[in-house]
Amino acid sequence: MRNFQRTSSSKSSPFERLGDVESKWAGYRPWLKSIGYSLRARYQPDWKASWLTSGIDEDDSEDSLVLNLLALVLDAKRDSDNLSVALKLLPTHTQELPIWQYLTSVDMLNDPRNHCVPLLAVHPLPDTDERVLAGVAFIHDHNVAHITLAPVQYHLIDFGESVKYDSYEARQFITGRVEHDLTVPDFVGGKHYDPFALDIRALGDMIHESLFKAYKGLELLEPLLLEMRDDVPAKRPSAKDALSKLHSLIEDQSVAALHQEIPPVFTTQYVAMPLFDSALYCFMFQPNLKALPSASKQIHHSKCSAQ
């Protein structure tokens, strides 16, 4: 399936505004810029379709290239050398990235038969767990227990099973099925449980699965996660206390440590690769075609054509 598709000429084009998946990518623009990547005009703030005023046909305009509904790949430029790269969003639970890294290791690339696209870099999504923990602390401060936290949510949504109390004093234990692992001690014997303590357990489980087990070198989080995942609900920290402890852990780290790349155990979330160097997506970008946008790579810096 193509990740890019041409639009058709029309005075009133549906592509004069970003689609849902494009808006998601546009939301990453500030972060991508901070790590050295620039998106093309279509994904910049206050973008307006160029063909409305340029006199150039929509099909011939660079910003008429749009993403399809399932696109996980977007083109970009690497600021340091203006290299055209492809940015790719990858899940953390598959073997795609480890295999890709293996096939594009130095030894593998020295084999003349290897035509895989080299990975240039891997960038985990930013600040997600700190942001979620801050969000949980916020709703707990307002006497709302989420109850259904699960990987991977970067904004708190789905309050259909949440509970709200008029005040801290009005909080009480509850019963009933929720969308969380029913093997946790909170549910043993169908007993009443503290929904706020359950939120902390659910969040601890989420961070443990999506971050601690997925990346190497995060041992500093283990004591906090042990507290958050304690089988005794009353021993778990409040969301505010957990957030404070996380901030303390971060403040204790050196600047160099905070900027150090954290290698994945299995897979990560982003890839980038040079343009035109491989069969991967080459059907979308042919060097001899005129005026094709300098966009086509993925956030893992790489060169691999196994898709």
Protein backbone atom coordinates (compact mmCIF):
# COMPACT_ATOMS: atom_id res chain seq x y z
CA MET A 1 0.00 0.00 0.00
CA ARG A 2 1.34 3.44 -0.89
CA ASN A 3 2.14 5.77 1.93
CA PHE A 4 1.72 8.79 -0.35
CA GLN A 5 -0.93 9.50 -2.93
CA ARG A 6 -1.46 12.24 -5.49
CA THR A 7 -4.50 14.43 -5.26
CA SER A 8 -6.78 15.24 -8.16
CA SER A 9 -7.35 18.75 -9.52
CA SER A 10 -10.39 20.41 -8.06
CA LYS A 11 -11.45 23.93 -7.17
CA SER A 12 -12.68 22.61 -3.84
CA SER A 13 -10.21 19.96 -2.75
CA PRO A 14 -10.54 17.89 0.43
CA PHE A 15 -6.75 18.05 0.67
CA GLU A 16 -6.73 21.75 1.46
CA ARG A 17 -6.62 20.68 5.12
CA LEU A 18 -4.74 17.99 6.99
CA GLY A 19 -6.30 14.58 7.53
CA ASP A 20 -6.36 12.93 10.93
CA VAL A 21 -3.13 10.96 10.46
CA GLU A 22 -1.43 14.06 9.05
CA SER A 23 -2.50 16.11 12.06
CA LYS A 24 -0.83 13.49 14.25
CA TRP A 25 2.44 13.92 12.37
CA ALA A 26 2.10 17.72 12.44
CA GLY A 27 1.78 17.45 16.21
CA TYR A 28 5.23 15.85 16.34
CA ARG A 29 6.78 18.74 14.35
CA PRO A 30 8.18 20.73 17.33
CA TRP A 31 9.76 17.62 18.84
CA LEU A 32 11.17 16.51 15.48
CA LYS A 33 12.65 19.97 14.99
CA SER A 34 14.27 19.77 18.42
CA ILE A 35 16.09 16.56 17.44
CA GLY A 36 17.17 17.86 14.04
CA TYR A 37 14.44 17.11 11.49
CA SER A 38 12.25 19.45 9.45
CA LEU A 39 8.94 18.55 7.85
CA ARG A 40 7.84 20.03 4.53
CA ALA A 41 5.51 22.98 4.14
CA ARG A 42 2.28 20.99 4.44
CA TYR A 43 3.03 20.14 8.08
CA GLN A 44 4.17 23.60 9.18
CA PRO A 45 2.05 25.86 11.42
CA ASP A 46 -0.53 27.99 9.60
CA TRP A 47 -0.02 26.05 6.35
CA LYS A 48 -2.38 26.91 3.49
CA ALA A 49 -2.59 24.97 0.23
CA SER A 50 -0.15 26.62 -2.17
CA TRP A 51 -2.20 25.84 -5.28
CA LEU A 52 -4.96 28.18 -4.14
CA THR A 53 -2.78 31.21 -4.84
CA SER A 54 0.28 30.05 -6.80
CA GLY A 55 -1.39 29.39 -10.13
CA ILE A 56 0.26 25.94 -10.14
CA ASP A 57 -2.05 22.96 -10.55
CA GLU A 58 -2.74 20.99 -7.40
CA ASP A 59 -1.23 17.81 -8.85
CA ASP A 60 2.02 19.68 -9.56
CA SER A 61 2.30 21.24 -6.10
CA GLU A 62 4.64 19.68 -3.56
CA ASP A 63 2.19 20.15 -0.73
CA SER A 64 -0.47 18.17 -2.59
CA LEU A 65 1.22 14.93 -1.55
CA VAL A 66 -0.87 13.54 1.29
CA LEU A 67 -0.70 10.50 3.55
CA ASN A 68 -3.16 7.66 3.28
CA LEU A 69 -5.23 6.53 6.25
CA LEU A 70 -2.73 3.92 7.50
CA ALA A 71 0.52 5.78 6.77
CA LEU A 72 3.24 5.28 9.38
CA VAL A 73 5.90 6.84 7.15
CA LEU A 74 6.57 10.52 6.48
CA ASP A 75 9.29 12.36 4.57
CA ALA A 76 11.56 14.93 6.21
CA LYS A 77 14.93 16.67 5.97
CA ARG A 78 17.80 16.18 8.39
CA ASP A 79 18.82 19.69 9.38
CA SER A 80 22.52 18.94 9.87
CA ASP A 81 23.16 18.11 6.21
CA ASN A 82 19.81 18.63 4.44
CA LEU A 83 19.58 14.88 3.81
CA SER A 84 16.18 13.62 2.68
CA VAL A 85 15.04 10.98 5.14
CA ALA A 86 11.98 8.88 5.88
CA LEU A 87 10.41 8.87 9.32
CA LYS A 88 8.67 5.69 10.38
CA LEU A 89 6.55 4.98 13.44
CA LEU A 90 7.20 1.50 14.84
CA PRO A 91 5.53 -0.38 17.72
CA THR A 92 7.61 -1.59 20.65
CA HIS A 93 6.31 -5.14 20.68
CA THR A 94 7.46 -6.45 17.27
CA GLN A 95 10.80 -7.69 15.96
CA GLU A 96 10.94 -5.27 13.01
CA LEU A 97 13.57 -2.92 14.42
CA PRO A 98 15.89 -5.56 15.97
CA ILE A 99 15.91 -7.45 12.65
CA TRP A 100 16.49 -4.21 10.77
CA GLN A 101 19.38 -3.28 13.07
CA TYR A 102 20.89 -6.74 12.71
CA LEU A 103 20.73 -6.69 8.91
CA THR A 104 22.27 -3.21 8.76
CA SER A 105 25.08 -3.73 11.27
CA VAL A 106 28.59 -2.80 10.09
CA ASP A 107 29.52 -6.39 9.31
CA MET A 108 26.30 -7.02 7.42
CA LEU A 109 26.60 -3.83 5.35
CA ASN A 110 30.06 -4.88 4.20
CA ASP A 111 28.48 -7.77 2.31
CA PRO A 112 27.95 -6.60 -1.32
CA ARG A 113 24.74 -8.64 -1.47
CA ASN A 114 23.17 -6.55 1.29
CA HIS A 115 20.78 -4.01 -0.19
CA CYS A 116 18.98 -3.15 3.05
CA VAL A 117 18.48 0.51 3.87
CA PRO A 118 20.76 1.48 6.80
CA LEU A 119 19.11 2.84 9.91
CA LEU A 120 20.37 6.34 10.65
CA ALA A 121 18.92 6.78 14.15
CA VAL A 122 16.26 5.61 16.59
CA HIS A 123 14.23 8.10 18.63
CA PRO A 124 11.71 7.00 21.31
CA LEU A 125 8.69 9.25 21.68
CA PRO A 126 9.33 12.06 24.19
CA ASP A 127 8.29 12.39 27.84
CA THR A 128 5.33 10.06 27.53
CA ASP A 129 5.43 8.39 30.94
CA GLU A 130 6.15 11.59 32.86
CA ARG A 131 3.27 13.24 30.99
CA VAL A 132 0.85 10.42 31.81
CA LEU A 133 1.91 10.39 35.46
CA ALA A 134 1.36 14.15 35.65
CA GLY A 135 -2.06 13.64 34.07
CA VAL A 136 -3.01 11.00 36.62
CA ALA A 137 -1.83 13.26 39.45
CA PHE A 138 -4.05 16.02 38.05
CA ILE A 139 -7.24 13.97 37.87
CA HIS A 140 -6.57 12.43 41.31
CA ASP A 141 -6.21 15.93 42.75
CA HIS A 142 -9.72 16.53 41.46
CA ASN A 143 -11.02 13.28 43.01
CA VAL A 144 -11.36 11.41 39.71
CA ALA A 145 -9.99 7.86 39.35
CA HIS A 146 -9.42 6.77 35.76
CA ILE A 147 -9.38 2.98 36.43
CA THR A 148 -8.72 1.88 32.79
CA LEU A 149 -5.15 3.02 32.09
CA ALA A 150 -3.39 0.83 29.53
CA PRO A 151 -0.44 1.11 27.11
CA VAL A 152 -0.03 3.25 25.17
CA GLN A 153 -1.97 6.45 25.93
CA TYR A 154 -0.25 9.82 25.84
CA HIS A 155 -3.40 11.78 26.66
CA LEU A 156 -5.93 10.58 29.19
CA ILE A 157 -9.17 9.67 27.44
CA ASP A 158 -11.98 7.14 27.81
CA PHE A 159 -13.56 8.19 31.10
CA GLY A 160 -16.53 5.86 30.61
CA GLU A 161 -15.62 3.69 33.61
CA SER A 162 -14.06 6.45 35.72
CA VAL A 163 -15.42 7.51 39.10
CA LYS A 164 -15.62 11.01 40.57
CA TYR A 165 -16.10 12.13 44.17
CA ASP A 166 -17.20 15.51 45.46
CA SER A 167 -14.21 15.79 47.78
CA TYR A 168 -11.22 13.90 49.13
CA GLU A 169 -13.25 12.98 52.22
CA ALA A 170 -16.01 11.52 50.04
CA ARG A 171 -13.73 8.97 48.39
CA GLN A 172 -14.66 5.33 49.03
CA PHE A 173 -13.78 1.80 47.99
CA ILE A 174 -15.73 0.34 45.08
CA THR A 175 -16.45 -3.01 43.45
CA GLY A 176 -17.05 -4.07 39.90
CA ARG A 177 -15.25 -5.20 36.78
CA VAL A 178 -12.87 -2.78 35.03
CA GLU A 179 -10.65 -3.02 31.97
CA HIS A 180 -7.47 -3.96 33.80
CA ASP A 181 -5.66 -7.20 34.55
CA LEU A 182 -8.07 -8.96 36.88
CA THR A 183 -5.23 -11.00 38.40
CA VAL A 184 -3.91 -8.01 40.38
CA PRO A 185 -4.46 -8.39 44.16
CA ASP A 186 -6.97 -5.54 44.20
CA PHE A 187 -9.60 -7.86 42.69
CA VAL A 188 -8.91 -11.04 44.68
CA GLY A 189 -12.14 -12.52 45.98
CA GLY A 190 -14.25 -9.78 44.44
CA LYS A 191 -13.45 -7.51 47.36
CA HIS A 192 -13.85 -3.73 47.45
CA TYR A 193 -10.82 -1.80 46.20
CA ASP A 194 -9.41 1.72 46.18
CA PRO A 195 -9.83 3.06 42.61
CA PHE A 196 -7.02 5.58 43.09
CA ALA A 197 -4.56 2.91 44.23
CA LEU A 198 -5.66 0.83 41.25
CA ASP A 199 -4.79 3.72 38.93
CA ILE A 200 -1.27 3.76 40.38
CA ARG A 201 -0.92 0.00 39.91
CA ALA A 202 -2.23 0.24 36.33
CA LEU A 203 0.14 3.09 35.52
CA GLY A 204 3.06 1.25 37.09
CA ASP A 205 2.22 -1.84 35.03
CA MET A 206 1.96 0.29 31.90
CA ILE A 207 5.35 1.96 32.41
CA HIS A 208 6.91 -1.38 33.32
CA GLU A 209 5.69 -3.04 30.12
CA SER A 210 6.03 -0.17 27.62
CA LEU A 211 9.24 1.44 28.89
CA PHE A 212 11.18 -0.46 31.56
CA LYS A 213 11.05 -3.83 29.76
CA ALA A 214 11.29 -2.31 26.27
CA TYR A 215 14.48 -0.27 26.75
CA LYS A 216 17.88 -0.90 28.32
CA GLY A 217 19.51 1.26 30.98
CA LEU A 218 16.40 2.30 32.92
CA GLU A 219 17.30 0.60 36.19
CA LEU A 220 16.87 3.92 38.02
CA LEU A 221 13.09 3.54 37.55
CA GLU A 222 12.94 0.15 39.24
CA PRO A 223 12.50 1.33 42.88
CA LEU A 224 9.65 3.67 41.91
CA LEU A 225 7.97 1.01 39.80
CA LEU A 226 8.23 -1.50 42.64
CA GLU A 227 6.38 0.95 44.87
CA MET A 228 3.71 1.69 42.26
CA ARG A 229 3.19 -2.02 41.57
CA ASP A 230 3.17 -3.12 45.22
CA ASP A 231 0.65 -5.91 45.82
CA VAL A 232 -0.57 -4.06 48.91
CA PRO A 233 -2.62 -1.12 47.57
CA ALA A 234 -2.13 0.96 50.72
CA LYS A 235 1.65 0.88 50.24
CA ARG A 236 1.52 2.43 46.78
CA PRO A 237 2.41 6.13 46.52
CA SER A 238 -0.17 8.69 45.51
CA ALA A 239 0.07 10.01 41.97
CA LYS A 240 1.45 13.29 43.30
CA ASP A 241 4.13 11.51 45.36
CA ALA A 242 5.06 9.25 42.45
CA LEU A 243 5.42 12.26 40.16
CA SER A 244 7.59 14.02 42.76
CA LYS A 245 9.83 10.95 43.03
CA LEU A 246 10.11 10.76 39.24
CA HIS A 247 11.13 14.43 39.11
CA SER A 248 13.75 13.77 41.78
CA LEU A 249 15.15 10.86 39.78
CA ILE A 250 15.39 13.07 36.70
CA GLU A 251 17.03 15.94 38.61
CA ASP A 252 19.67 13.57 39.99
CA GLN A 253 20.83 12.67 36.47
CA SER A 254 23.57 14.53 34.65
CA VAL A 255 22.82 16.44 31.46
CA ALA A 256 24.91 13.91 29.54
CA ALA A 257 22.93 11.01 31.00
CA LEU A 258 19.60 12.63 30.12
CA HIS A 259 20.71 13.10 26.51
CA GLN A 260 22.15 9.62 26.16
CA GLU A 261 20.37 7.34 23.70
CA ILE A 262 18.45 4.53 25.37
CA PRO A 263 18.76 1.40 23.22
CA PRO A 264 15.65 -0.73 22.75
CA VAL A 265 15.43 -4.28 24.02
CA PHE A 266 13.07 -5.19 21.21
CA THR A 267 11.62 -2.42 19.07
CA THR A 268 11.28 1.36 19.22
CA GLN A 269 8.97 3.92 17.83
CA TYR A 270 10.75 5.83 15.10
CA VAL A 271 13.14 5.38 12.17
CA ALA A 272 14.85 7.48 9.49
CA MET A 273 16.57 6.42 6.29
CA PRO A 274 18.24 8.12 3.32
CA LEU A 275 16.16 8.70 0.22
CA PHE A 276 16.67 6.83 -3.06
CA ASP A 277 19.28 4.51 -1.57
CA SER A 278 17.13 1.43 -1.46
CA ALA A 279 14.22 -0.52 -2.78
CA LEU A 280 12.27 0.35 0.32
CA TYR A 281 9.49 2.69 -0.81
CA CYS A 282 11.47 3.35 -4.01
CA PHE A 283 8.21 3.03 -5.93
CA MET A 284 7.16 6.28 -4.29
CA PHE A 285 10.33 8.24 -4.98
CA GLN A 286 12.03 7.94 -8.33
CA PRO A 287 15.13 10.16 -8.71
CA ASN A 288 14.35 11.11 -12.31
CA LEU A 289 10.87 12.47 -11.63
CA LYS A 290 10.68 16.24 -11.44
CA ALA A 291 9.62 18.24 -8.42
CA LEU A 292 8.97 15.34 -6.11
CA PRO A 293 8.95 16.56 -2.52
CA SER A 294 12.15 16.05 -0.63
CA ALA A 295 10.25 13.93 1.73
CA SER A 296 10.43 10.28 2.23
CA LYS A 297 12.00 8.66 5.16
CA GLN A 298 11.28 7.43 8.56
CA ILE A 299 12.38 8.40 11.94
CA HIS A 300 14.75 5.55 12.41
CA HIS A 301 17.82 6.68 10.51
CA SER A 302 18.29 3.71 8.32
CA LYS A 303 18.51 1.93 5.03
CA CYS A 304 16.52 -1.25 4.80
CA SER A 305 14.12 -2.54 2.20
CA ALA A 306 12.42 -5.42 3.96
CA GLN A 307 8.79 -4.33 3.90
